[in-house]
Amino acid sequence: MGFFVWNLSTQWIGALKTSVYIYVSPIVTVVLSVLILKERLTVRLVIGAVLILTGLVISQKRSKASDMK
């Protein structure tokens, strides 16, 4: 099912935008595990989420800057 949805989303929004969403999935996993499974939110999880989001922001700024050239 996951591959089916991945292929559909690639067709709808393109491969580059779809690849960004794959990096957000660990953050969604952490949030849902805290909310649904009542797992503890640790400092490691928060730091990991911040690092992932920071990397995404940096990569998107670079790709937008290269598109403008």
PDB file of N, CA and C in Angstrom:
ATOM      1  N   MET A   1       0.822  -1.185   0.000  1.00  0.00           N
ATOM      2  CA  MET A   1       0.000   0.000   0.000  1.00  0.00           C
ATOM      3  C   MET A   1       0.874   1.259   0.000  1.00  0.00           C
ATOM      4  N   GLY A   2       1.956   1.222   0.755  1.00  0.00           N
ATOM      5  CA  GLY A   2       2.850   2.374   0.827  1.00  0.00           C
ATOM      6  C   GLY A   2       3.454   2.731  -0.521  1.00  0.00           C
ATOM      7  N   PHE A   3       3.873   1.710  -1.272  1.00  0.00           N
ATOM      8  CA  PHE A   3       4.453   1.972  -2.589  1.00  0.00           C
ATOM      9  C   PHE A   3       3.405   2.501  -3.557  1.00  0.00           C
ATOM     10  N   PHE A   4       2.200   2.031  -3.434  1.00  0.00           N
ATOM     11  CA  PHE A   4       1.108   2.512  -4.290  1.00  0.00           C
ATOM     12  C   PHE A   4       0.864   4.000  -4.051  1.00  0.00           C
ATOM     13  N   VAL A   5       0.777   4.390  -2.790  1.00  0.00           N
ATOM     14  CA  VAL A   5       0.556   5.797  -2.453  1.00  0.00           C
ATOM     15  C   VAL A   5       1.759   6.636  -2.880  1.00  0.00           C
ATOM     16  N   TRP A   6       2.955   6.084  -2.713  1.00  0.00           N
ATOM     17  CA  TRP A   6       4.171   6.789  -3.133  1.00  0.00           C
ATOM     18  C   TRP A   6       4.142   7.063  -4.643  1.00  0.00           C
ATOM     19  N   ASN A   7       3.781   6.062  -5.419  1.00  0.00           N
ATOM     20  CA  ASN A   7       3.706   6.239  -6.870  1.00  0.00           C
ATOM     21  C   ASN A   7       2.632   7.250  -7.266  1.00  0.00           C
ATOM     22  N   LEU A   8       1.493   7.209  -6.613  1.00  0.00           N
ATOM     23  CA  LEU A   8       0.444   8.193  -6.899  1.00  0.00           C
ATOM     24  C   LEU A   8       0.900   9.610  -6.574  1.00  0.00           C
ATOM     25  N   SER A   9       1.521   9.764  -5.423  1.00  0.00           N
ATOM     26  CA  SER A   9       1.959  11.100  -5.030  1.00  0.00           C
ATOM     27  C   SER A   9       3.062  11.611  -5.950  1.00  0.00           C
ATOM     28  N   THR A  10       3.912  10.729  -6.433  1.00  0.00           N
ATOM     29  CA  THR A  10       4.943  11.138  -7.388  1.00  0.00           C
ATOM     30  C   THR A  10       4.312  11.629  -8.681  1.00  0.00           C
ATOM     31  N   GLN A  11       3.258  10.997  -9.111  1.00  0.00           N
ATOM     32  CA  GLN A  11       2.565  11.431 -10.322  1.00  0.00           C
ATOM     33  C   GLN A  11       1.854  12.768 -10.103  1.00  0.00           C
ATOM     34  N   TRP A  12       1.284  12.964  -8.920  1.00  0.00           N
ATOM     35  CA  TRP A  12       0.494  14.168  -8.656  1.00  0.00           C
ATOM     36  C   TRP A  12       1.362  15.410  -8.449  1.00  0.00           C
ATOM     37  N   ILE A  13       2.401  15.288  -7.604  1.00  0.00           N
ATOM     38  CA  ILE A  13       3.170  16.486  -7.258  1.00  0.00           C
ATOM     39  C   ILE A  13       4.613  16.456  -7.739  1.00  0.00           C
ATOM     40  N   GLY A  14       5.055  15.369  -8.330  1.00  0.00           N
ATOM     41  CA  GLY A  14       6.415  15.292  -8.850  1.00  0.00           C
ATOM     42  C   GLY A  14       7.376  14.632  -7.867  1.00  0.00           C
ATOM     43  N   ALA A  15       8.472  14.161  -8.428  1.00  0.00           N
ATOM     44  CA  ALA A  15       9.435  13.395  -7.636  1.00  0.00           C
ATOM     45  C   ALA A  15      10.166  14.255  -6.605  1.00  0.00           C
ATOM     46  N   LEU A  16      10.505  15.485  -6.958  1.00  0.00           N
ATOM     47  CA  LEU A  16      11.259  16.321  -6.022  1.00  0.00           C
ATOM     48  C   LEU A  16      10.451  16.666  -4.777  1.00  0.00           C
ATOM     49  N   LYS A  17       9.220  17.060  -4.955  1.00  0.00           N
ATOM     50  CA  LYS A  17       8.389  17.388  -3.793  1.00  0.00           C
ATOM     51  C   LYS A  17       8.057  16.144  -2.985  1.00  0.00           C
ATOM     52  N   THR A  18       7.856  15.032  -3.661  1.00  0.00           N
ATOM     53  CA  THR A  18       7.552  13.791  -2.956  1.00  0.00           C
ATOM     54  C   THR A  18       8.732  13.349  -2.100  1.00  0.00           C
ATOM     55  N   SER A  19       9.941  13.543  -2.603  1.00  0.00           N
ATOM     56  CA  SER A  19      11.120  13.123  -1.838  1.00  0.00           C
ATOM     57  C   SER A  19      11.282  13.936  -0.566  1.00  0.00           C
ATOM     58  N   VAL A  20      10.806  15.178  -0.559  1.00  0.00           N
ATOM     59  CA  VAL A  20      10.860  15.980   0.666  1.00  0.00           C
ATOM     60  C   VAL A  20       9.978  15.355   1.743  1.00  0.00           C
ATOM     61  N   TYR A  21       8.811  14.874   1.355  1.00  0.00           N
ATOM     62  CA  TYR A  21       7.882  14.314   2.332  1.00  0.00           C
ATOM     63  C   TYR A  21       8.396  13.031   2.970  1.00  0.00           C
ATOM     64  N   ILE A  22       9.269  12.302   2.289  1.00  0.00           N
ATOM     65  CA  ILE A  22       9.799  11.068   2.874  1.00  0.00           C
ATOM     66  C   ILE A  22      10.653  11.384   4.103  1.00  0.00           C
ATOM     67  N   TYR A  23      11.274  12.561   4.116  1.00  0.00           N
ATOM     68  CA  TYR A  23      12.110  12.929   5.248  1.00  0.00           C
ATOM     69  C   TYR A  23      11.287  13.422   6.431  1.00  0.00           C
ATOM     70  N   VAL A  24      10.041  13.759   6.209  1.00  0.00           N
ATOM     71  CA  VAL A  24       9.173  14.205   7.291  1.00  0.00           C
ATOM     72  C   VAL A  24       8.541  13.010   8.020  1.00  0.00           C
ATOM     73  N   SER A  25       8.580  11.844   7.418  1.00  0.00           N
ATOM     74  CA  SER A  25       7.912  10.687   8.014  1.00  0.00           C
ATOM     75  C   SER A  25       8.448  10.308   9.394  1.00  0.00           C
ATOM     76  N   PRO A  26       9.759  10.416   9.685  1.00  0.00           N
ATOM     77  CA  PRO A  26      10.179  10.118  11.068  1.00  0.00           C
ATOM     78  C   PRO A  26       9.572  11.073  12.091  1.00  0.00           C
ATOM     79  N   ILE A  27       9.379  12.322  11.699  1.00  0.00           N
ATOM     80  CA  ILE A  27       8.785  13.294  12.621  1.00  0.00           C
ATOM     81  C   ILE A  27       7.318  12.951  12.869  1.00  0.00           C
ATOM     82  N   VAL A  28       6.623  12.569  11.821  1.00  0.00           N
ATOM     83  CA  VAL A  28       5.223  12.150  11.962  1.00  0.00           C
ATOM     84  C   VAL A  28       5.146  10.905  12.855  1.00  0.00           C
ATOM     85  N   THR A  29       6.088  10.011  12.673  1.00  0.00           N
ATOM     86  CA  THR A  29       6.126   8.798  13.492  1.00  0.00           C
ATOM     87  C   THR A  29       6.299   9.133  14.968  1.00  0.00           C
ATOM     88  N   VAL A  30       7.197  10.051  15.269  1.00  0.00           N
ATOM     89  CA  VAL A  30       7.423  10.447  16.666  1.00  0.00           C
ATOM     90  C   VAL A  30       6.173  11.079  17.250  1.00  0.00           C
ATOM     91  N   VAL A  31       5.571  11.993  16.514  1.00  0.00           N
ATOM     92  CA  VAL A  31       4.375  12.681  17.012  1.00  0.00           C
ATOM     93  C   VAL A  31       3.250  11.685  17.265  1.00  0.00           C
ATOM     94  N   LEU A  32       3.024  10.794  16.305  1.00  0.00           N
ATOM     95  CA  LEU A  32       1.947   9.820  16.477  1.00  0.00           C
ATOM     96  C   LEU A  32       2.240   8.820  17.592  1.00  0.00           C
ATOM     97  N   SER A  33       3.503   8.441  17.762  1.00  0.00           N
ATOM     98  CA  SER A  33       3.824   7.507  18.843  1.00  0.00           C
ATOM     99  C   SER A  33       3.610   8.151  20.212  1.00  0.00           C
ATOM    100  N   VAL A  34       3.868   9.452  20.295  1.00  0.00           N
ATOM    101  CA  VAL A  34       3.624  10.151  21.566  1.00  0.00           C
ATOM    102  C   VAL A  34       2.125  10.283  21.819  1.00  0.00           C
ATOM    103  N   LEU A  35       1.369  10.647  20.775  1.00  0.00           N
ATOM    104  CA  LEU A  35      -0.064  10.870  20.947  1.00  0.00           C
ATOM    105  C   LEU A  35      -0.866   9.581  21.095  1.00  0.00           C
ATOM    106  N   ILE A  36      -0.571   8.607  20.248  1.00  0.00           N
ATOM    107  CA  ILE A  36      -1.387   7.384  20.220  1.00  0.00           C
ATOM    108  C   ILE A  36      -0.869   6.320  21.179  1.00  0.00           C
ATOM    109  N   LEU A  37       0.439   6.075  21.142  1.00  0.00           N
ATOM    110  CA  LEU A  37       1.005   5.002  21.957  1.00  0.00           C
ATOM    111  C   LEU A  37       1.435   5.459  23.340  1.00  0.00           C
ATOM    112  N   LYS A  38       1.317   6.763  23.592  1.00  0.00           N
ATOM    113  CA  LYS A  38       1.674   7.345  24.889  1.00  0.00           C
ATOM    114  C   LYS A  38       3.137   7.106  25.243  1.00  0.00           C
ATOM    115  N   GLU A  39       4.008   7.129  24.224  1.00  0.00           N
ATOM    116  CA  GLU A  39       5.439   7.003  24.480  1.00  0.00           C
ATOM    117  C   GLU A  39       5.973   8.326  24.997  1.00  0.00           C
ATOM    118  N   ARG A  40       7.086   8.261  25.695  1.00  0.00           N
ATOM    119  CA  ARG A  40       7.678   9.474  26.252  1.00  0.00           C
ATOM    120  C   ARG A  40       8.433  10.238  25.180  1.00  0.00           C
ATOM    121  N   LEU A  41       8.297  11.542  25.200  1.00  0.00           N
ATOM    122  CA  LEU A  41       9.042  12.407  24.296  1.00  0.00           C
ATOM    123  C   LEU A  41      10.372  12.733  24.963  1.00  0.00           C
ATOM    124  N   THR A  42      11.463  12.249  24.374  1.00  0.00           N
ATOM    125  CA  THR A  42      12.779  12.438  24.967  1.00  0.00           C
ATOM    126  C   THR A  42      13.533  13.563  24.257  1.00  0.00           C
ATOM    127  N   VAL A  43      14.600  13.991  24.882  1.00  0.00           N
ATOM    128  CA  VAL A  43      15.437  15.039  24.303  1.00  0.00           C
ATOM    129  C   VAL A  43      16.031  14.567  22.979  1.00  0.00           C
ATOM    130  N   ARG A  44      16.415  13.310  22.908  1.00  0.00           N
ATOM    131  CA  ARG A  44      16.963  12.754  21.664  1.00  0.00           C
ATOM    132  C   ARG A  44      15.970  12.866  20.510  1.00  0.00           C
ATOM    133  N   LEU A  45      14.725  12.559  20.769  1.00  0.00           N
ATOM    134  CA  LEU A  45      13.710  12.637  19.726  1.00  0.00           C
ATOM    135  C   LEU A  45      13.505  14.072  19.258  1.00  0.00           C
ATOM    136  N   VAL A  46      13.500  14.994  20.191  1.00  0.00           N
ATOM    137  CA  VAL A  46      13.324  16.404  19.836  1.00  0.00           C
ATOM    138  C   VAL A  46      14.523  16.898  19.025  1.00  0.00           C
ATOM    139  N   ILE A  47      15.729  16.561  19.467  1.00  0.00           N
ATOM    140  CA  ILE A  47      16.925  16.971  18.728  1.00  0.00           C
ATOM    141  C   ILE A  47      16.922  16.373  17.328  1.00  0.00           C
ATOM    142  N   GLY A  48      16.552  15.124  17.209  1.00  0.00           N
ATOM    143  CA  GLY A  48      16.475  14.492  15.897  1.00  0.00           C
ATOM    144  C   GLY A  48      15.477  15.175  14.986  1.00  0.00           C
ATOM    145  N   ALA A  49      14.321  15.516  15.520  1.00  0.00           N
ATOM    146  CA  ALA A  49      13.295  16.197  14.732  1.00  0.00           C
ATOM    147  C   ALA A  49      13.776  17.575  14.288  1.00  0.00           C
ATOM    148  N   VAL A  50      14.440  18.283  15.179  1.00  0.00           N
ATOM    149  CA  VAL A  50      14.971  19.605  14.832  1.00  0.00           C
ATOM    150  C   VAL A  50      16.033  19.488  13.745  1.00  0.00           C
ATOM    151  N   LEU A  51      16.901  18.503  13.852  1.00  0.00           N
ATOM    152  CA  LEU A  51      17.930  18.304  12.834  1.00  0.00           C
ATOM    153  C   LEU A  51      17.322  17.973  11.470  1.00  0.00           C
ATOM    154  N   ILE A  52      16.301  17.134  11.461  1.00  0.00           N
ATOM    155  CA  ILE A  52      15.632  16.785  10.206  1.00  0.00           C
ATOM    156  C   ILE A  52      14.994  18.017   9.583  1.00  0.00           C
ATOM    157  N   LEU A  53      14.271  18.783  10.381  1.00  0.00           N
ATOM    158  CA  LEU A  53      13.625  19.986   9.857  1.00  0.00           C
ATOM    159  C   LEU A  53      14.641  21.017   9.385  1.00  0.00           C
ATOM    160  N   THR A  54      15.744  21.157  10.114  1.00  0.00           N
ATOM    161  CA  THR A  54      16.794  22.085   9.702  1.00  0.00           C
ATOM    162  C   THR A  54      17.398  21.666   8.370  1.00  0.00           C
ATOM    163  N   GLY A  55      17.647  20.395   8.227  1.00  0.00           N
ATOM    164  CA  GLY A  55      18.178  19.894   6.949  1.00  0.00           C
ATOM    165  C   GLY A  55      17.224  20.121   5.796  1.00  0.00           C
ATOM    166  N   LEU A  56      15.940  19.926   6.038  1.00  0.00           N
ATOM    167  CA  LEU A  56      14.948  20.171   4.992  1.00  0.00           C
ATOM    168  C   LEU A  56      14.893  21.641   4.597  1.00  0.00           C
ATOM    169  N   VAL A  57      14.936  22.520   5.582  1.00  0.00           N
ATOM    170  CA  VAL A  57      14.898  23.956   5.291  1.00  0.00           C
ATOM    171  C   VAL A  57      16.132  24.359   4.483  1.00  0.00           C
ATOM    172  N   ILE A  58      17.301  23.882   4.893  1.00  0.00           N
ATOM    173  CA  ILE A  58      18.532  24.212   4.169  1.00  0.00           C
ATOM    174  C   ILE A  58      18.489  23.681   2.748  1.00  0.00           C
ATOM    175  N   SER A  59      18.054  22.448   2.591  1.00  0.00           N
ATOM    176  CA  SER A  59      18.023  21.866   1.242  1.00  0.00           C
ATOM    177  C   SER A  59      17.025  22.572   0.343  1.00  0.00           C
ATOM    178  N   GLN A  60      15.909  23.015   0.891  1.00  0.00           N
ATOM    179  CA  GLN A  60      14.913  23.712   0.080  1.00  0.00           C
ATOM    180  C   GLN A  60      15.381  25.120  -0.285  1.00  0.00           C
ATOM    181  N   LYS A  61      16.095  25.785   0.608  1.00  0.00           N
ATOM    182  CA  LYS A  61      16.631  27.104   0.283  1.00  0.00           C
ATOM    183  C   LYS A  61      17.665  26.999  -0.834  1.00  0.00           C
ATOM    184  N   ARG A  62      18.503  25.985  -0.780  1.00  0.00           N
ATOM    185  CA  ARG A  62      19.521  25.799  -1.816  1.00  0.00           C
ATOM    186  C   ARG A  62      18.890  25.488  -3.155  1.00  0.00           C
ATOM    187  N   SER A  63      17.855  24.642  -3.161  1.00  0.00           N
ATOM    188  CA  SER A  63      17.242  24.287  -4.436  1.00  0.00           C
ATOM    189  C   SER A  63      16.496  25.476  -5.027  1.00  0.00           C
ATOM    190  N   LYS A  64      15.897  26.315  -4.190  1.00  0.00           N
ATOM    191  CA  LYS A  64      15.210  27.509  -4.690  1.00  0.00           C
ATOM    192  C   LYS A  64      16.218  28.513  -5.231  1.00  0.00           C
ATOM    193  N   ALA A  65      17.363  28.640  -4.571  1.00  0.00           N
ATOM    194  CA  ALA A  65      18.391  29.569  -5.029  1.00  0.00           C
ATOM    195  C   ALA A  65      18.972  29.118  -6.366  1.00  0.00           C
ATOM    196  N   SER A  66      19.149  27.815  -6.544  1.00  0.00           N
ATOM    197  CA  SER A  66      19.683  27.317  -7.819  1.00  0.00           C
ATOM    198  C   SER A  66      18.646  27.411  -8.936  1.00  0.00           C
ATOM    199  N   ASP A  67      17.358  27.385  -8.598  1.00  0.00           N
ATOM    200  CA  ASP A  67      16.310  27.547  -9.601  1.00  0.00           C
ATOM    201  C   ASP A  67      16.274  28.960 -10.145  1.00  0.00           C
ATOM    202  N   MET A  68      16.670  29.948  -9.340  1.00  0.00           N
ATOM    203  CA  MET A  68      16.606  31.328  -9.745  1.00  0.00           C
ATOM    204  C   MET A  68      17.721  31.709 -10.701  1.00  0.00           C
ATOM    205  N   LYS A  69      18.795  30.923 -10.741  1.00  0.00           N
ATOM    206  CA  LYS A  69      19.936  31.240 -11.620  1.00  0.00           C
ATOM    207  C   LYS A  69      19.636  30.987 -13.063  1.00  0.00           C
TER     208      LYS A  69
END
